């Protein structure tokens, strides 16, 4: 295999819905998805994203008014959350390293052309962030 083309099956753990603790502004969330959706809003409105599933967090966020500067910070937020998910020495980081040099594509069927690829089109920003994290992990494997 030279390419991971979706976050399903054996690669479900790459999904932002995969359970893992991440921290956003001092609050622990149960997945990257929960924290990412919470980050779209003022800190006073985020608590509701802690005690729901990742799917519920995504649906809830669609009903709320996103903060004005969201578009300018969403990539840095995602990059930080992915770094936490795949923290050096963690089980998920080790799994990520085992993907070697395979291309990682967040293939989807729901039309996300920014974070992933749908019907052969998309920027695959999430896949690229994950591959960048893997490169960072690989380059820091021998650090103390």
C-alpha atoms as a PDB file:
ATOM      1  CA  UNK A   1       0.000   0.000   0.000  1.00  0.00           C
ATOM      2  CA  UNK A   2       1.373   3.410  -0.958  1.00  0.00           C
ATOM      3  CA  UNK A   3      -1.572   5.549   0.072  1.00  0.00           C
ATOM      4  CA  UNK A   4      -4.119   5.822   2.859  1.00  0.00           C
ATOM      5  CA  UNK A   5      -7.159   7.197   1.061  1.00  0.00           C
ATOM      6  CA  UNK A   6      -9.642   7.472   3.929  1.00  0.00           C
ATOM      7  CA  UNK A   7      -9.823   7.369   7.703  1.00  0.00           C
ATOM      8  CA  UNK A   8     -11.933   4.211   7.799  1.00  0.00           C
ATOM      9  CA  UNK A   9     -11.309   0.577   8.669  1.00  0.00           C
ATOM     10  CA  UNK A  10      -7.751  -0.026   9.859  1.00  0.00           C
ATOM     11  CA  UNK A  11      -7.071   3.716   9.653  1.00  0.00           C
ATOM     12  CA  UNK A  12     -10.087   4.934  11.641  1.00  0.00           C
ATOM     13  CA  UNK A  13      -7.668   6.107  14.353  1.00  0.00           C
ATOM     14  CA  UNK A  14      -6.537   8.913  12.023  1.00  0.00           C
ATOM     15  CA  UNK A  15      -9.998  10.479  12.233  1.00  0.00           C
ATOM     16  CA  UNK A  16     -10.554  13.540  14.389  1.00  0.00           C
ATOM     17  CA  UNK A  17     -13.472  11.608  15.888  1.00  0.00           C
ATOM     18  CA  UNK A  18     -11.076   9.038  17.411  1.00  0.00           C
ATOM     19  CA  UNK A  19     -11.100   9.257  21.235  1.00  0.00           C
ATOM     20  CA  UNK A  20      -8.020  11.009  22.620  1.00  0.00           C
ATOM     21  CA  UNK A  21      -7.561  13.706  25.218  1.00  0.00           C
ATOM     22  CA  UNK A  22      -6.563  17.121  23.885  1.00  0.00           C
ATOM     23  CA  UNK A  23      -6.421  20.454  25.668  1.00  0.00           C
ATOM     24  CA  UNK A  24      -7.747  23.777  24.439  1.00  0.00           C
ATOM     25  CA  UNK A  25      -7.260  26.803  26.685  1.00  0.00           C
ATOM     26  CA  UNK A  26      -6.880  24.612  29.765  1.00  0.00           C
ATOM     27  CA  UNK A  27      -9.966  22.475  29.118  1.00  0.00           C
ATOM     28  CA  UNK A  28      -9.635  18.765  28.272  1.00  0.00           C
ATOM     29  CA  UNK A  29     -11.743  17.507  25.370  1.00  0.00           C
ATOM     30  CA  UNK A  30     -12.403  13.852  24.458  1.00  0.00           C
ATOM     31  CA  UNK A  31     -11.335  14.172  20.811  1.00  0.00           C
ATOM     32  CA  UNK A  32      -9.752  16.533  18.320  1.00  0.00           C
ATOM     33  CA  UNK A  33     -13.200  17.046  16.788  1.00  0.00           C
ATOM     34  CA  UNK A  34     -14.718  18.179  20.085  1.00  0.00           C
ATOM     35  CA  UNK A  35     -11.911  20.662  20.719  1.00  0.00           C
ATOM     36  CA  UNK A  36     -11.832  21.907  17.131  1.00  0.00           C
ATOM     37  CA  UNK A  37     -15.572  22.587  17.140  1.00  0.00           C
ATOM     38  CA  UNK A  38     -15.299  24.305  20.538  1.00  0.00           C
ATOM     39  CA  UNK A  39     -12.489  26.518  19.250  1.00  0.00           C
ATOM     40  CA  UNK A  40     -14.877  28.095  16.760  1.00  0.00           C
ATOM     41  CA  UNK A  41     -16.548  29.946  19.610  1.00  0.00           C
ATOM     42  CA  UNK A  42     -15.737  32.285  22.480  1.00  0.00           C
ATOM     43  CA  UNK A  43     -14.332  30.446  25.500  1.00  0.00           C
ATOM     44  CA  UNK A  44     -17.523  31.139  27.462  1.00  0.00           C
ATOM     45  CA  UNK A  45     -19.523  28.993  25.000  1.00  0.00           C
ATOM     46  CA  UNK A  46     -17.150  26.023  24.799  1.00  0.00           C
ATOM     47  CA  UNK A  47     -18.034  23.942  27.864  1.00  0.00           C
ATOM     48  CA  UNK A  48     -20.931  22.248  26.057  1.00  0.00           C
ATOM     49  CA  UNK A  49     -18.439  20.542  23.709  1.00  0.00           C
ATOM     50  CA  UNK A  50     -16.783  18.570  26.528  1.00  0.00           C
ATOM     51  CA  UNK A  51     -19.573  16.150  27.366  1.00  0.00           C
ATOM     52  CA  UNK A  52     -20.878  15.217  23.914  1.00  0.00           C
ATOM     53  CA  UNK A  53     -19.725  12.785  21.240  1.00  0.00           C
ATOM     54  CA  UNK A  54     -17.604  14.028  18.362  1.00  0.00           C
ATOM     55  CA  UNK A  55     -20.576  13.745  16.019  1.00  0.00           C
ATOM     56  CA  UNK A  56     -22.779  15.694  18.417  1.00  0.00           C
ATOM     57  CA  UNK A  57     -20.081  18.368  18.697  1.00  0.00           C
ATOM     58  CA  UNK A  58     -19.960  18.766  14.919  1.00  0.00           C
ATOM     59  CA  UNK A  59     -23.757  19.014  14.667  1.00  0.00           C
ATOM     60  CA  UNK A  60     -23.991  21.437  17.601  1.00  0.00           C
ATOM     61  CA  UNK A  61     -21.397  23.754  16.085  1.00  0.00           C
ATOM     62  CA  UNK A  62     -23.562  24.136  12.971  1.00  0.00           C
ATOM     63  CA  UNK A  63     -26.268  25.753  15.112  1.00  0.00           C
ATOM     64  CA  UNK A  64     -24.006  28.434  16.623  1.00  0.00           C
ATOM     65  CA  UNK A  65     -22.463  31.679  15.385  1.00  0.00           C
ATOM     66  CA  UNK A  66     -18.734  31.218  14.696  1.00  0.00           C
ATOM     67  CA  UNK A  67     -16.302  33.841  16.029  1.00  0.00           C
ATOM     68  CA  UNK A  68     -15.206  36.469  13.507  1.00  0.00           C
ATOM     69  CA  UNK A  69     -11.514  35.540  13.295  1.00  0.00           C
ATOM     70  CA  UNK A  70     -12.129  31.797  12.908  1.00  0.00           C
ATOM     71  CA  UNK A  71     -11.049  31.532   9.266  1.00  0.00           C
ATOM     72  CA  UNK A  72      -7.681  33.119  10.075  1.00  0.00           C
ATOM     73  CA  UNK A  73      -6.902  30.741  12.975  1.00  0.00           C
ATOM     74  CA  UNK A  74      -8.510  27.415  12.064  1.00  0.00           C
ATOM     75  CA  UNK A  75      -5.387  25.898  10.488  1.00  0.00           C
ATOM     76  CA  UNK A  76      -3.197  26.755  13.477  1.00  0.00           C
ATOM     77  CA  UNK A  77      -5.862  25.367  15.841  1.00  0.00           C
ATOM     78  CA  UNK A  78      -6.022  22.117  13.883  1.00  0.00           C
ATOM     79  CA  UNK A  79      -2.226  21.870  13.716  1.00  0.00           C
ATOM     80  CA  UNK A  80      -1.944  22.240  17.496  1.00  0.00           C
ATOM     81  CA  UNK A  81      -4.668  19.678  18.174  1.00  0.00           C
ATOM     82  CA  UNK A  82      -3.099  17.158  15.782  1.00  0.00           C
ATOM     83  CA  UNK A  83       0.280  17.677  17.501  1.00  0.00           C
ATOM     84  CA  UNK A  84      -1.390  16.832  20.815  1.00  0.00           C
ATOM     85  CA  UNK A  85      -3.167  13.784  19.425  1.00  0.00           C
ATOM     86  CA  UNK A  86       0.089  12.450  18.009  1.00  0.00           C
ATOM     87  CA  UNK A  87       2.311  13.541  20.892  1.00  0.00           C
ATOM     88  CA  UNK A  88       5.819  12.148  20.893  1.00  0.00           C
ATOM     89  CA  UNK A  89       6.014   8.754  22.583  1.00  0.00           C
ATOM     90  CA  UNK A  90       2.253   8.173  22.540  1.00  0.00           C
ATOM     91  CA  UNK A  91       0.635   5.044  21.132  1.00  0.00           C
ATOM     92  CA  UNK A  92      -1.023   7.090  18.369  1.00  0.00           C
ATOM     93  CA  UNK A  93       2.315   8.657  17.430  1.00  0.00           C
ATOM     94  CA  UNK A  94       3.855   5.204  17.169  1.00  0.00           C
ATOM     95  CA  UNK A  95       0.981   4.071  14.950  1.00  0.00           C
ATOM     96  CA  UNK A  96       1.444   7.147  12.774  1.00  0.00           C
ATOM     97  CA  UNK A  97       5.148   6.421  12.381  1.00  0.00           C
ATOM     98  CA  UNK A  98       4.291   2.879  11.281  1.00  0.00           C
ATOM     99  CA  UNK A  99       2.525   4.342   8.230  1.00  0.00           C
ATOM    100  CA  UNK A 100       6.027   5.012   6.900  1.00  0.00           C
ATOM    101  CA  UNK A 101       5.976   7.301   3.906  1.00  0.00           C
ATOM    102  CA  UNK A 102       2.454   6.545   2.704  1.00  0.00           C
ATOM    103  CA  UNK A 103       0.455   9.493   1.488  1.00  0.00           C
ATOM    104  CA  UNK A 104      -2.371  10.203   3.932  1.00  0.00           C
ATOM    105  CA  UNK A 105      -5.585  11.503   2.370  1.00  0.00           C
ATOM    106  CA  UNK A 106      -8.704  12.386   4.331  1.00  0.00           C
ATOM    107  CA  UNK A 107     -11.011  10.949   1.704  1.00  0.00           C
ATOM    108  CA  UNK A 108     -14.662  11.698   2.375  1.00  0.00           C
ATOM    109  CA  UNK A 109     -18.112  11.519   0.833  1.00  0.00           C
ATOM    110  CA  UNK A 110     -19.610  14.598   2.503  1.00  0.00           C
ATOM    111  CA  UNK A 111     -18.044  17.246   0.255  1.00  0.00           C
ATOM    112  CA  UNK A 112     -15.195  18.488   2.445  1.00  0.00           C
ATOM    113  CA  UNK A 113     -12.772  19.842  -0.141  1.00  0.00           C
ATOM    114  CA  UNK A 114     -10.764  21.931   2.342  1.00  0.00           C
ATOM    115  CA  UNK A 115      -9.709  19.416   5.012  1.00  0.00           C
ATOM    116  CA  UNK A 116     -10.019  16.404   2.733  1.00  0.00           C
ATOM    117  CA  UNK A 117     -10.697  15.082  -0.738  1.00  0.00           C
ATOM    118  CA  UNK A 118     -14.138  14.227  -2.092  1.00  0.00           C
ATOM    119  CA  UNK A 119     -14.742  12.772  -5.560  1.00  0.00           C
ATOM    120  CA  UNK A 120     -11.079  13.284  -6.414  1.00  0.00           C
ATOM    121  CA  UNK A 121     -11.039  16.995  -5.559  1.00  0.00           C
ATOM    122  CA  UNK A 122      -9.769  18.735  -2.461  1.00  0.00           C
ATOM    123  CA  UNK A 123      -6.898  20.402  -0.652  1.00  0.00           C
ATOM    124  CA  UNK A 124      -6.409  17.580   1.889  1.00  0.00           C
ATOM    125  CA  UNK A 125      -5.313  20.055   4.566  1.00  0.00           C
ATOM    126  CA  UNK A 126      -5.921  17.550   7.369  1.00  0.00           C
ATOM    127  CA  UNK A 127      -3.974  14.812   5.626  1.00  0.00           C
ATOM    128  CA  UNK A 128      -1.103  17.230   5.015  1.00  0.00           C
ATOM    129  CA  UNK A 129      -1.058  18.357   8.660  1.00  0.00           C
ATOM    130  CA  UNK A 130      -0.947  14.718   9.793  1.00  0.00           C
ATOM    131  CA  UNK A 131       1.878  13.913   7.355  1.00  0.00           C
ATOM    132  CA  UNK A 132       3.775  16.997   8.581  1.00  0.00           C
ATOM    133  CA  UNK A 133       3.335  15.744  12.134  1.00  0.00           C
ATOM    134  CA  UNK A 134       4.632  12.329  11.108  1.00  0.00           C
ATOM    135  CA  UNK A 135       7.700  13.981   9.518  1.00  0.00           C
ATOM    136  CA  UNK A 136       8.283  15.932  12.744  1.00  0.00           C
ATOM    137  CA  UNK A 137       7.965  12.769  14.845  1.00  0.00           C
ATOM    138  CA  UNK A 138      10.383  10.933  12.564  1.00  0.00           C
ATOM    139  CA  UNK A 139      12.942  13.746  12.771  1.00  0.00           C
ATOM    140  CA  UNK A 140      12.704  13.784  16.587  1.00  0.00           C
ATOM    141  CA  UNK A 141      12.789  10.032  17.242  1.00  0.00           C
ATOM    142  CA  UNK A 142      16.266  10.120  18.745  1.00  0.00           C
ATOM    143  CA  UNK A 143      15.833  13.268  20.846  1.00  0.00           C
ATOM    144  CA  UNK A 144      15.983  12.856  24.616  1.00  0.00           C
END
